[in-house]
Amino acid sequence: MNNEIIKIIKERNIHPISYRKINNVYVINNNYAIKLNTNNYDIYKYLTSRDFLFFPENITNLNDNYDISLYIDGLIVNKEEKINDYLKLLAILHKKTSYKREINLDEIKEKYENLNRRIINLRKYYIELNEKLDHEMFFSPSAYLLLRNISLIYSILDNSELLLNDIYNQITKEKSIRISLLHNNVDLDHLIISSQEYLVSWDKSCFDSPILEIEKFYRKYYRDIDINDLLIIYESINKLTILEKQLLIISLSIPHKLEITSNTYLDTTIINDEIDYLKTLYELLIKYKKS
């Protein structure tokens, strides 16, 4: 057992009968979970003040250099149910901790210009790659897969650019944007379901727009939940504005830069995953571009 853990449990008069390590968490007697070099005391206090109690009871002190909570032994739950519960908890978290922050137009302009530049550069990249591949006599499977779907990429880039311009025109007229506390550590392993639901691993939590967390969630689990179902579940608790939905869709839709290398198998896998992902968003992008 780690010497620092021994010191901690002695100070707290915990008598170890058993211990195990799960990733970077030490579980003592199946009762306490200890994580070194982090302290979320202020976060737990804030969550309690906002009546968000979906985390294990924490017994960390302000100046500790570790986090110690009661250990919760979770139930085995199917993935679909866990995804739904996780989304609902995020919606509750965002709703209970939300506030309005005054818009900084310079910051908005910088973000717009960065996104717009990214779209322009991606379009230029894909046009040049398209022309290069067209001159090749034989296509690799990965190159063929990309060329067969490149019209989808062009369409998404074109519609993303139009939607981005609409968003920029709208947001410059707004006085404030919504900010919430984000768990910011999206992973189904961080949801424990027992007598109630618990979110753990708050080390990366921060204040920002809730759409950033929804984006991370969908990018990670798009194969397991339809984007429309995701929005229905989330919005049953925390309603998004049209502008927030547009910002979410534009954040989700801009494609990655796909490259053709000498590793055909890996390229084909990456390209196929990206195409599958983009197909799930195309209709929603068109819908919100027209909103």
C-alpha atoms as a PDB file:
ATOM      1  CA  MET A   1       0.000   0.000   0.000  1.00  0.00           C
ATOM      2  CA  ASN A   2       1.229   3.504  -0.856  1.00  0.00           C
ATOM      3  CA  ASN A   3       2.961   5.202   2.110  1.00  0.00           C
ATOM      4  CA  GLU A   4       0.857   8.306   1.676  1.00  0.00           C
ATOM      5  CA  ILE A   5      -2.328   6.225   1.812  1.00  0.00           C
ATOM      6  CA  ILE A   6      -1.081   4.552   5.023  1.00  0.00           C
ATOM      7  CA  LYS A   7      -0.519   7.985   6.548  1.00  0.00           C
ATOM      8  CA  ILE A   8      -4.000   9.181   5.532  1.00  0.00           C
ATOM      9  CA  ILE A   9      -5.871   6.204   6.967  1.00  0.00           C
ATOM     10  CA  LYS A  10      -3.881   6.381  10.208  1.00  0.00           C
ATOM     11  CA  GLU A  11      -4.746  10.078  10.605  1.00  0.00           C
ATOM     12  CA  ARG A  12      -8.414   9.242  10.096  1.00  0.00           C
ATOM     13  CA  ASN A  13      -8.321   6.260  12.419  1.00  0.00           C
ATOM     14  CA  ILE A  14      -9.310   3.852   9.643  1.00  0.00           C
ATOM     15  CA  HIS A  15      -8.196   0.305  10.315  1.00  0.00           C
ATOM     16  CA  PRO A  16      -7.431  -1.401   7.000  1.00  0.00           C
ATOM     17  CA  ILE A  17      -8.742  -4.914   6.569  1.00  0.00           C
ATOM     18  CA  SER A  18      -8.561  -4.879   2.780  1.00  0.00           C
ATOM     19  CA  TYR A  19      -7.576  -2.534   0.029  1.00  0.00           C
ATOM     20  CA  ARG A  20      -7.532  -2.471  -3.759  1.00  0.00           C
ATOM     21  CA  LYS A  21      -6.577   0.025  -6.412  1.00  0.00           C
ATOM     22  CA  ILE A  22      -8.962   0.925  -9.248  1.00  0.00           C
ATOM     23  CA  ASN A  23      -7.042   3.066 -11.755  1.00  0.00           C
ATOM     24  CA  ASN A  24      -5.761   5.903  -9.532  1.00  0.00           C
ATOM     25  CA  VAL A  25      -8.289   5.407  -6.707  1.00  0.00           C
ATOM     26  CA  TYR A  26      -7.493   3.434  -3.549  1.00  0.00           C
ATOM     27  CA  VAL A  27     -10.497   1.595  -2.079  1.00  0.00           C
ATOM     28  CA  ILE A  28     -10.082   0.813   1.625  1.00  0.00           C
ATOM     29  CA  ASN A  29     -12.256  -1.841   3.320  1.00  0.00           C
ATOM     30  CA  ASN A  30     -14.732  -1.379   0.469  1.00  0.00           C
ATOM     31  CA  ASN A  31     -15.889   1.700   2.434  1.00  0.00           C
ATOM     32  CA  TYR A  32     -13.610   4.584   1.440  1.00  0.00           C
ATOM     33  CA  ALA A  33     -12.325   5.829  -1.907  1.00  0.00           C
ATOM     34  CA  ILE A  34      -9.123   7.888  -1.741  1.00  0.00           C
ATOM     35  CA  LYS A  35      -7.603   9.787  -4.644  1.00  0.00           C
ATOM     36  CA  LEU A  36      -4.223  11.469  -4.172  1.00  0.00           C
ATOM     37  CA  ASN A  37      -3.080  14.880  -5.382  1.00  0.00           C
ATOM     38  CA  THR A  38      -6.550  16.339  -5.810  1.00  0.00           C
ATOM     39  CA  ASN A  39      -9.051  18.112  -3.594  1.00  0.00           C
ATOM     40  CA  ASN A  40     -12.578  18.916  -4.744  1.00  0.00           C
ATOM     41  CA  TYR A  41     -13.711  20.346  -1.401  1.00  0.00           C
ATOM     42  CA  ASP A  42     -14.876  23.639  -2.934  1.00  0.00           C
ATOM     43  CA  ILE A  43     -16.710  21.862  -5.766  1.00  0.00           C
ATOM     44  CA  TYR A  44     -18.619  19.624  -3.350  1.00  0.00           C
ATOM     45  CA  LYS A  45     -19.539  22.625  -1.210  1.00  0.00           C
ATOM     46  CA  TYR A  46     -20.771  24.476  -4.281  1.00  0.00           C
ATOM     47  CA  LEU A  47     -22.768  21.482  -5.551  1.00  0.00           C
ATOM     48  CA  THR A  48     -24.410  21.112  -2.131  1.00  0.00           C
ATOM     49  CA  SER A  49     -25.298  24.814  -2.070  1.00  0.00           C
ATOM     50  CA  ARG A  50     -27.035  24.371  -5.450  1.00  0.00           C
ATOM     51  CA  ASP A  51     -28.901  21.296  -4.225  1.00  0.00           C
ATOM     52  CA  PHE A  52     -27.047  18.913  -6.542  1.00  0.00           C
ATOM     53  CA  LEU A  53     -26.406  15.904  -4.317  1.00  0.00           C
ATOM     54  CA  PHE A  54     -25.591  13.238  -6.889  1.00  0.00           C
ATOM     55  CA  PHE A  55     -22.083  12.473  -5.627  1.00  0.00           C
ATOM     56  CA  PRO A  56     -20.813  10.149  -2.872  1.00  0.00           C
ATOM     57  CA  GLU A  57     -20.615  11.645   0.602  1.00  0.00           C
ATOM     58  CA  ASN A  58     -17.256  13.377   0.811  1.00  0.00           C
ATOM     59  CA  ILE A  59     -15.157  13.708   3.968  1.00  0.00           C
ATOM     60  CA  THR A  60     -12.257  15.713   2.562  1.00  0.00           C
ATOM     61  CA  ASN A  61     -11.029  18.727   4.521  1.00  0.00           C
ATOM     62  CA  LEU A  62     -10.168  22.035   2.870  1.00  0.00           C
ATOM     63  CA  ASN A  63      -6.378  21.736   3.081  1.00  0.00           C
ATOM     64  CA  ASP A  64      -6.020  18.027   2.374  1.00  0.00           C
ATOM     65  CA  ASN A  65      -3.882  17.036  -0.605  1.00  0.00           C
ATOM     66  CA  TYR A  66      -6.256  14.194  -1.432  1.00  0.00           C
ATOM     67  CA  ASP A  67      -9.928  13.442  -1.960  1.00  0.00           C
ATOM     68  CA  ILE A  68     -11.706  10.917   0.277  1.00  0.00           C
ATOM     69  CA  SER A  69     -15.302   9.815  -0.176  1.00  0.00           C
ATOM     70  CA  LEU A  70     -17.502   6.977   0.944  1.00  0.00           C
ATOM     71  CA  TYR A  71     -17.095   4.167  -1.571  1.00  0.00           C
ATOM     72  CA  ILE A  72     -20.234   3.184  -3.489  1.00  0.00           C
ATOM     73  CA  ASP A  73     -20.379  -0.309  -4.960  1.00  0.00           C
ATOM     74  CA  GLY A  74     -22.457   0.170  -8.095  1.00  0.00           C
ATOM     75  CA  LEU A  75     -24.964  -2.125  -9.740  1.00  0.00           C
ATOM     76  CA  ILE A  76     -24.397  -3.659 -13.170  1.00  0.00           C
ATOM     77  CA  VAL A  77     -26.581  -1.665 -15.556  1.00  0.00           C
ATOM     78  CA  ASN A  78     -26.942  -2.002 -19.332  1.00  0.00           C
ATOM     79  CA  LYS A  79     -25.224   0.643 -21.436  1.00  0.00           C
ATOM     80  CA  GLU A  80     -28.383   2.216 -22.862  1.00  0.00           C
ATOM     81  CA  GLU A  81     -29.853   2.788 -19.402  1.00  0.00           C
ATOM     82  CA  LYS A  82     -26.561   4.181 -18.127  1.00  0.00           C
ATOM     83  CA  ILE A  83     -26.329   6.623 -21.048  1.00  0.00           C
ATOM     84  CA  ASN A  84     -29.850   7.870 -20.350  1.00  0.00           C
ATOM     85  CA  ASP A  85     -29.148   8.310 -16.634  1.00  0.00           C
ATOM     86  CA  TYR A  86     -25.849  10.065 -17.303  1.00  0.00           C
ATOM     87  CA  LEU A  87     -27.538  12.537 -19.670  1.00  0.00           C
ATOM     88  CA  LYS A  88     -30.254  13.278 -17.128  1.00  0.00           C
ATOM     89  CA  LEU A  89     -27.661  13.940 -14.418  1.00  0.00           C
ATOM     90  CA  LEU A  90     -25.743  16.301 -16.711  1.00  0.00           C
ATOM     91  CA  ALA A  91     -28.993  18.143 -17.495  1.00  0.00           C
ATOM     92  CA  ILE A  92     -29.791  18.469 -13.768  1.00  0.00           C
ATOM     93  CA  LEU A  93     -26.236  19.648 -13.046  1.00  0.00           C
ATOM     94  CA  HIS A  94     -26.333  22.257 -15.806  1.00  0.00           C
ATOM     95  CA  LYS A  95     -29.777  23.489 -14.793  1.00  0.00           C
ATOM     96  CA  LYS A  96     -29.045  23.802 -11.081  1.00  0.00           C
ATOM     97  CA  THR A  97     -25.717  25.604 -11.579  1.00  0.00           C
ATOM     98  CA  SER A  98     -26.563  27.859 -14.528  1.00  0.00           C
ATOM     99  CA  TYR A  99     -26.192  31.626 -14.589  1.00  0.00           C
ATOM    100  CA  LYS A 100     -25.986  34.345 -17.219  1.00  0.00           C
ATOM    101  CA  ARG A 101     -22.648  35.839 -18.182  1.00  0.00           C
ATOM    102  CA  GLU A 102     -22.313  39.044 -20.142  1.00  0.00           C
ATOM    103  CA  ILE A 103     -21.144  38.456 -23.698  1.00  0.00           C
ATOM    104  CA  ASN A 104     -17.637  39.548 -24.592  1.00  0.00           C
ATOM    105  CA  LEU A 105     -17.895  40.554 -28.263  1.00  0.00           C
ATOM    106  CA  ASP A 106     -14.133  40.379 -28.816  1.00  0.00           C
ATOM    107  CA  GLU A 107     -14.097  36.813 -27.496  1.00  0.00           C
ATOM    108  CA  ILE A 108     -17.089  35.881 -29.668  1.00  0.00           C
ATOM    109  CA  LYS A 109     -15.446  37.406 -32.737  1.00  0.00           C
ATOM    110  CA  GLU A 110     -12.217  35.504 -32.103  1.00  0.00           C
ATOM    111  CA  LYS A 111     -14.080  32.187 -31.745  1.00  0.00           C
ATOM    112  CA  TYR A 112     -16.067  32.898 -34.916  1.00  0.00           C
ATOM    113  CA  GLU A 113     -12.947  33.737 -36.910  1.00  0.00           C
ATOM    114  CA  ASN A 114     -11.148  30.613 -35.652  1.00  0.00           C
ATOM    115  CA  LEU A 115     -14.073  28.362 -36.603  1.00  0.00           C
ATOM    116  CA  ASN A 116     -14.538  30.066 -39.950  1.00  0.00           C
ATOM    117  CA  ARG A 117     -10.827  29.739 -40.713  1.00  0.00           C
ATOM    118  CA  ARG A 118     -10.980  26.080 -39.758  1.00  0.00           C
ATOM    119  CA  ILE A 119     -13.860  25.468 -42.190  1.00  0.00           C
ATOM    120  CA  ILE A 120     -12.092  27.337 -45.016  1.00  0.00           C
ATOM    121  CA  ASN A 121      -8.835  25.458 -44.447  1.00  0.00           C
ATOM    122  CA  LEU A 122     -10.629  22.112 -44.321  1.00  0.00           C
ATOM    123  CA  ARG A 123     -12.443  22.822 -47.579  1.00  0.00           C
ATOM    124  CA  LYS A 124      -9.147  23.798 -49.234  1.00  0.00           C
ATOM    125  CA  TYR A 125      -7.493  20.660 -47.875  1.00  0.00           C
ATOM    126  CA  TYR A 126     -10.221  18.330 -49.145  1.00  0.00           C
ATOM    127  CA  ILE A 127     -10.362  19.971 -52.575  1.00  0.00           C
ATOM    128  CA  GLU A 128      -6.599  19.547 -52.973  1.00  0.00           C
ATOM    129  CA  LEU A 129      -6.725  15.957 -51.689  1.00  0.00           C
ATOM    130  CA  ASN A 130      -9.643  15.207 -54.015  1.00  0.00           C
ATOM    131  CA  GLU A 131      -7.701  16.521 -57.024  1.00  0.00           C
ATOM    132  CA  LYS A 132      -4.596  14.576 -56.033  1.00  0.00           C
ATOM    133  CA  LEU A 133      -6.485  11.289 -55.674  1.00  0.00           C
ATOM    134  CA  ASP A 134      -8.329  11.840 -58.964  1.00  0.00           C
ATOM    135  CA  HIS A 135      -4.987  11.688 -60.766  1.00  0.00           C
ATOM    136  CA  GLU A 136      -4.031   8.338 -59.285  1.00  0.00           C
ATOM    137  CA  MET A 137      -4.462   5.248 -61.458  1.00  0.00           C
ATOM    138  CA  PHE A 138      -5.388   2.914 -58.586  1.00  0.00           C
ATOM    139  CA  PHE A 139      -7.172   3.764 -55.347  1.00  0.00           C
ATOM    140  CA  SER A 140      -6.439   2.194 -52.005  1.00  0.00           C
ATOM    141  CA  PRO A 141      -9.592   1.046 -50.115  1.00  0.00           C
ATOM    142  CA  SER A 142      -9.243   4.041 -47.785  1.00  0.00           C
ATOM    143  CA  ALA A 143      -8.894   6.532 -50.662  1.00  0.00           C
ATOM    144  CA  TYR A 144     -11.897   4.993 -52.425  1.00  0.00           C
ATOM    145  CA  LEU A 145     -13.971   5.205 -49.240  1.00  0.00           C
ATOM    146  CA  LEU A 146     -13.062   8.867 -48.804  1.00  0.00           C
ATOM    147  CA  LEU A 147     -13.780   9.789 -52.441  1.00  0.00           C
ATOM    148  CA  ARG A 148     -17.102   7.968 -52.354  1.00  0.00           C
ATOM    149  CA  ASN A 149     -18.207  10.120 -49.408  1.00  0.00           C
ATOM    150  CA  ILE A 150     -16.406  13.389 -50.097  1.00  0.00           C
ATOM    151  CA  SER A 151     -19.601  15.084 -51.301  1.00  0.00           C
ATOM    152  CA  LEU A 152     -20.986  14.617 -47.774  1.00  0.00           C
ATOM    153  CA  ILE A 153     -17.914  16.369 -46.353  1.00  0.00           C
ATOM    154  CA  TYR A 154     -18.260  19.259 -48.837  1.00  0.00           C
ATOM    155  CA  SER A 155     -21.950  19.638 -48.042  1.00  0.00           C
ATOM    156  CA  ILE A 156     -21.340  19.633 -44.286  1.00  0.00           C
ATOM    157  CA  LEU A 157     -18.571  22.221 -44.636  1.00  0.00           C
ATOM    158  CA  ASP A 158     -20.729  24.461 -46.838  1.00  0.00           C
ATOM    159  CA  ASN A 159     -23.757  24.258 -44.551  1.00  0.00           C
ATOM    160  CA  SER A 160     -21.598  24.653 -41.447  1.00  0.00           C
ATOM    161  CA  GLU A 161     -20.198  27.873 -42.851  1.00  0.00           C
ATOM    162  CA  LEU A 162     -23.690  29.225 -43.560  1.00  0.00           C
ATOM    163  CA  LEU A 163     -24.928  28.231 -40.097  1.00  0.00           C
ATOM    164  CA  LEU A 164     -21.846  29.748 -38.466  1.00  0.00           C
ATOM    165  CA  ASN A 165     -22.521  33.088 -40.159  1.00  0.00           C
ATOM    166  CA  ASP A 166     -26.141  32.994 -38.956  1.00  0.00           C
ATOM    167  CA  ILE A 167     -25.021  32.197 -35.414  1.00  0.00           C
ATOM    168  CA  TYR A 168     -22.497  35.013 -35.400  1.00  0.00           C
ATOM    169  CA  ASN A 169     -25.102  37.535 -36.560  1.00  0.00           C
ATOM    170  CA  GLN A 170     -27.485  36.349 -33.841  1.00  0.00           C
ATOM    171  CA  ILE A 171     -25.075  36.116 -30.946  1.00  0.00           C
ATOM    172  CA  THR A 172     -23.684  39.625 -31.467  1.00  0.00           C
ATOM    173  CA  LYS A 173     -27.217  40.873 -30.697  1.00  0.00           C
ATOM    174  CA  GLU A 174     -27.441  38.904 -27.459  1.00  0.00           C
ATOM    175  CA  LYS A 175     -26.552  40.472 -24.109  1.00  0.00           C
ATOM    176  CA  SER A 176     -25.581  37.299 -22.264  1.00  0.00           C
ATOM    177  CA  ILE A 177     -24.907  33.593 -22.599  1.00  0.00           C
ATOM    178  CA  ARG A 178     -25.672  30.737 -20.246  1.00  0.00           C
ATOM    179  CA  ILE A 179     -22.826  29.273 -18.186  1.00  0.00           C
ATOM    180  CA  SER A 180     -23.013  26.165 -15.984  1.00  0.00           C
ATOM    181  CA  LEU A 181     -20.730  23.970 -13.956  1.00  0.00           C
ATOM    182  CA  LEU A 182     -19.558  21.147 -16.213  1.00  0.00           C
ATOM    183  CA  HIS A 183     -18.542  17.757 -14.851  1.00  0.00           C
ATOM    184  CA  ASN A 184     -16.095  17.821 -17.788  1.00  0.00           C
ATOM    185  CA  ASN A 185     -14.977  14.222 -17.381  1.00  0.00           C
ATOM    186  CA  VAL A 186     -17.418  12.378 -19.617  1.00  0.00           C
ATOM    187  CA  ASP A 187     -17.157   8.621 -19.206  1.00  0.00           C
ATOM    188  CA  LEU A 188     -19.805   6.062 -18.275  1.00  0.00           C
ATOM    189  CA  ASP A 189     -17.373   4.657 -15.691  1.00  0.00           C
ATOM    190  CA  HIS A 190     -17.820   7.913 -13.780  1.00  0.00           C
ATOM    191  CA  LEU A 191     -21.514   7.198 -13.223  1.00  0.00           C
ATOM    192  CA  ILE A 192     -22.279   4.821 -10.357  1.00  0.00           C
ATOM    193  CA  ILE A 193     -25.818   3.518  -9.969  1.00  0.00           C
ATOM    194  CA  SER A 194     -26.824   2.134  -6.575  1.00  0.00           C
ATOM    195  CA  SER A 195     -29.618   3.357  -4.292  1.00  0.00           C
ATOM    196  CA  GLN A 196     -29.364   6.517  -6.401  1.00  0.00           C
ATOM    197  CA  GLU A 197     -27.121   7.829  -9.196  1.00  0.00           C
ATOM    198  CA  TYR A 198     -23.690   9.252  -8.357  1.00  0.00           C
ATOM    199  CA  LEU A 199     -21.204  11.175 -10.493  1.00  0.00           C
ATOM    200  CA  VAL A 200     -17.565  10.729  -9.471  1.00  0.00           C
ATOM    201  CA  SER A 201     -14.210  12.138 -10.634  1.00  0.00           C
ATOM    202  CA  TRP A 202     -14.835  15.885 -10.451  1.00  0.00           C
ATOM    203  CA  ASP A 203     -11.156  16.804 -10.919  1.00  0.00           C
ATOM    204  CA  LYS A 204     -11.704  18.429 -14.316  1.00  0.00           C
ATOM    205  CA  SER A 205     -14.933  20.304 -13.521  1.00  0.00           C
ATOM    206  CA  CYS A 206     -15.159  23.881 -14.769  1.00  0.00           C
ATOM    207  CA  PHE A 207     -17.631  26.623 -15.650  1.00  0.00           C
ATOM    208  CA  ASP A 208     -18.506  27.001 -19.314  1.00  0.00           C
ATOM    209  CA  SER A 209     -21.362  26.612 -21.781  1.00  0.00           C
ATOM    210  CA  PRO A 210     -23.350  23.381 -21.222  1.00  0.00           C
ATOM    211  CA  ILE A 211     -23.269  22.645 -24.955  1.00  0.00           C
ATOM    212  CA  LEU A 212     -19.547  21.825 -24.635  1.00  0.00           C
ATOM    213  CA  GLU A 213     -20.347  18.899 -22.366  1.00  0.00           C
ATOM    214  CA  ILE A 214     -23.190  17.694 -24.576  1.00  0.00           C
ATOM    215  CA  GLU A 215     -20.785  17.814 -27.533  1.00  0.00           C
ATOM    216  CA  LYS A 216     -18.183  15.710 -25.692  1.00  0.00           C
ATOM    217  CA  PHE A 217     -20.853  13.218 -24.673  1.00  0.00           C
ATOM    218  CA  TYR A 218     -22.213  12.749 -28.187  1.00  0.00           C
ATOM    219  CA  ARG A 219     -18.785  12.521 -29.828  1.00  0.00           C
ATOM    220  CA  LYS A 220     -17.911   9.734 -27.406  1.00  0.00           C
ATOM    221  CA  TYR A 221     -21.179   7.787 -27.553  1.00  0.00           C
ATOM    222  CA  TYR A 222     -22.671   8.605 -30.961  1.00  0.00           C
ATOM    223  CA  ARG A 223     -22.795   4.915 -31.850  1.00  0.00           C
ATOM    224  CA  ASP A 224     -24.962   4.221 -28.803  1.00  0.00           C
ATOM    225  CA  ILE A 225     -27.514   7.037 -28.937  1.00  0.00           C
ATOM    226  CA  ASP A 226     -29.199   8.991 -31.731  1.00  0.00           C
ATOM    227  CA  ILE A 227     -28.560  12.747 -31.557  1.00  0.00           C
ATOM    228  CA  ASN A 228     -32.307  13.466 -31.604  1.00  0.00           C
ATOM    229  CA  ASP A 229     -32.894  11.056 -28.711  1.00  0.00           C
ATOM    230  CA  LEU A 230     -30.018  12.668 -26.832  1.00  0.00           C
ATOM    231  CA  LEU A 231     -31.626  16.096 -27.181  1.00  0.00           C
ATOM    232  CA  ILE A 232     -35.046  14.772 -26.141  1.00  0.00           C
ATOM    233  CA  ILE A 233     -33.625  13.208 -22.964  1.00  0.00           C
ATOM    234  CA  TYR A 234     -31.496  16.237 -22.078  1.00  0.00           C
ATOM    235  CA  GLU A 235     -34.199  18.799 -22.858  1.00  0.00           C
ATOM    236  CA  SER A 236     -36.807  16.964 -20.805  1.00  0.00           C
ATOM    237  CA  ILE A 237     -34.889  18.494 -17.873  1.00  0.00           C
ATOM    238  CA  ASN A 238     -32.898  21.436 -19.230  1.00  0.00           C
ATOM    239  CA  LYS A 239     -34.309  23.194 -22.283  1.00  0.00           C
ATOM    240  CA  LEU A 240     -31.832  24.620 -24.788  1.00  0.00           C
ATOM    241  CA  THR A 241     -32.497  27.783 -26.773  1.00  0.00           C
ATOM    242  CA  ILE A 242     -32.472  27.667 -30.577  1.00  0.00           C
ATOM    243  CA  LEU A 243     -29.156  29.523 -30.530  1.00  0.00           C
ATOM    244  CA  GLU A 244     -27.639  26.992 -28.110  1.00  0.00           C
ATOM    245  CA  LYS A 245     -28.816  24.138 -30.331  1.00  0.00           C
ATOM    246  CA  GLN A 246     -27.284  25.820 -33.371  1.00  0.00           C
ATOM    247  CA  LEU A 247     -24.007  26.316 -31.505  1.00  0.00           C
ATOM    248  CA  LEU A 248     -24.083  22.645 -30.492  1.00  0.00           C
ATOM    249  CA  ILE A 249     -24.733  21.438 -34.047  1.00  0.00           C
ATOM    250  CA  ILE A 250     -21.984  23.589 -35.539  1.00  0.00           C
ATOM    251  CA  SER A 251     -19.539  22.337 -32.868  1.00  0.00           C
ATOM    252  CA  LEU A 252     -20.469  18.742 -33.616  1.00  0.00           C
ATOM    253  CA  SER A 253     -20.570  18.973 -37.405  1.00  0.00           C
ATOM    254  CA  ILE A 254     -17.183  20.339 -38.462  1.00  0.00           C
ATOM    255  CA  PRO A 255     -15.302  17.249 -39.702  1.00  0.00           C
ATOM    256  CA  HIS A 256     -11.826  16.140 -38.777  1.00  0.00           C
ATOM    257  CA  LYS A 257      -8.944  16.340 -41.212  1.00  0.00           C
ATOM    258  CA  LEU A 258      -8.781  12.844 -42.698  1.00  0.00           C
ATOM    259  CA  GLU A 259      -5.453  11.785 -44.150  1.00  0.00           C
ATOM    260  CA  ILE A 260      -4.334   9.016 -46.498  1.00  0.00           C
ATOM    261  CA  THR A 261      -1.178   7.337 -45.208  1.00  0.00           C
ATOM    262  CA  SER A 262       0.663   4.089 -45.899  1.00  0.00           C
ATOM    263  CA  ASN A 263      -1.416   2.312 -43.247  1.00  0.00           C
ATOM    264  CA  THR A 264      -4.484   1.462 -45.329  1.00  0.00           C
ATOM    265  CA  TYR A 265      -6.214  -0.564 -42.621  1.00  0.00           C
ATOM    266  CA  LEU A 266      -5.956   2.186 -39.999  1.00  0.00           C
ATOM    267  CA  ASP A 267      -6.936   4.891 -42.535  1.00  0.00           C
ATOM    268  CA  THR A 268     -10.007   2.920 -43.602  1.00  0.00           C
ATOM    269  CA  THR A 269     -11.109   2.475 -39.994  1.00  0.00           C
ATOM    270  CA  ILE A 270     -10.665   6.165 -39.161  1.00  0.00           C
ATOM    271  CA  ILE A 271     -12.385   7.365 -42.349  1.00  0.00           C
ATOM    272  CA  ASN A 272     -15.272   4.945 -41.915  1.00  0.00           C
ATOM    273  CA  ASP A 273     -15.814   6.076 -38.311  1.00  0.00           C
ATOM    274  CA  GLU A 274     -15.781   9.742 -39.323  1.00  0.00           C
ATOM    275  CA  ILE A 275     -18.205   9.216 -42.210  1.00  0.00           C
ATOM    276  CA  ASP A 276     -20.579   7.247 -39.977  1.00  0.00           C
ATOM    277  CA  TYR A 277     -20.401  10.030 -37.408  1.00  0.00           C
ATOM    278  CA  LEU A 278     -21.045  12.820 -39.953  1.00  0.00           C
ATOM    279  CA  LYS A 279     -24.035  10.960 -41.396  1.00  0.00           C
ATOM    280  CA  THR A 280     -25.721  11.052 -37.978  1.00  0.00           C
ATOM    281  CA  LEU A 281     -25.563  14.867 -37.985  1.00  0.00           C
ATOM    282  CA  TYR A 282     -26.295  15.866 -41.578  1.00  0.00           C
ATOM    283  CA  GLU A 283     -30.095  16.147 -41.365  1.00  0.00           C
ATOM    284  CA  LEU A 284     -29.940  18.024 -38.053  1.00  0.00           C
ATOM    285  CA  LEU A 285     -27.399  20.448 -39.499  1.00  0.00           C
ATOM    286  CA  ILE A 286     -29.707  21.205 -42.433  1.00  0.00           C
ATOM    287  CA  LYS A 287     -32.657  21.609 -40.062  1.00  0.00           C
ATOM    288  CA  TYR A 288     -30.959  24.156 -37.817  1.00  0.00           C
ATOM    289  CA  LYS A 289     -29.376  25.974 -40.722  1.00  0.00           C
ATOM    290  CA  LYS A 290     -32.947  26.760 -41.820  1.00  0.00           C
ATOM    291  CA  SER A 291     -34.200  27.675 -38.295  1.00  0.00           C
END
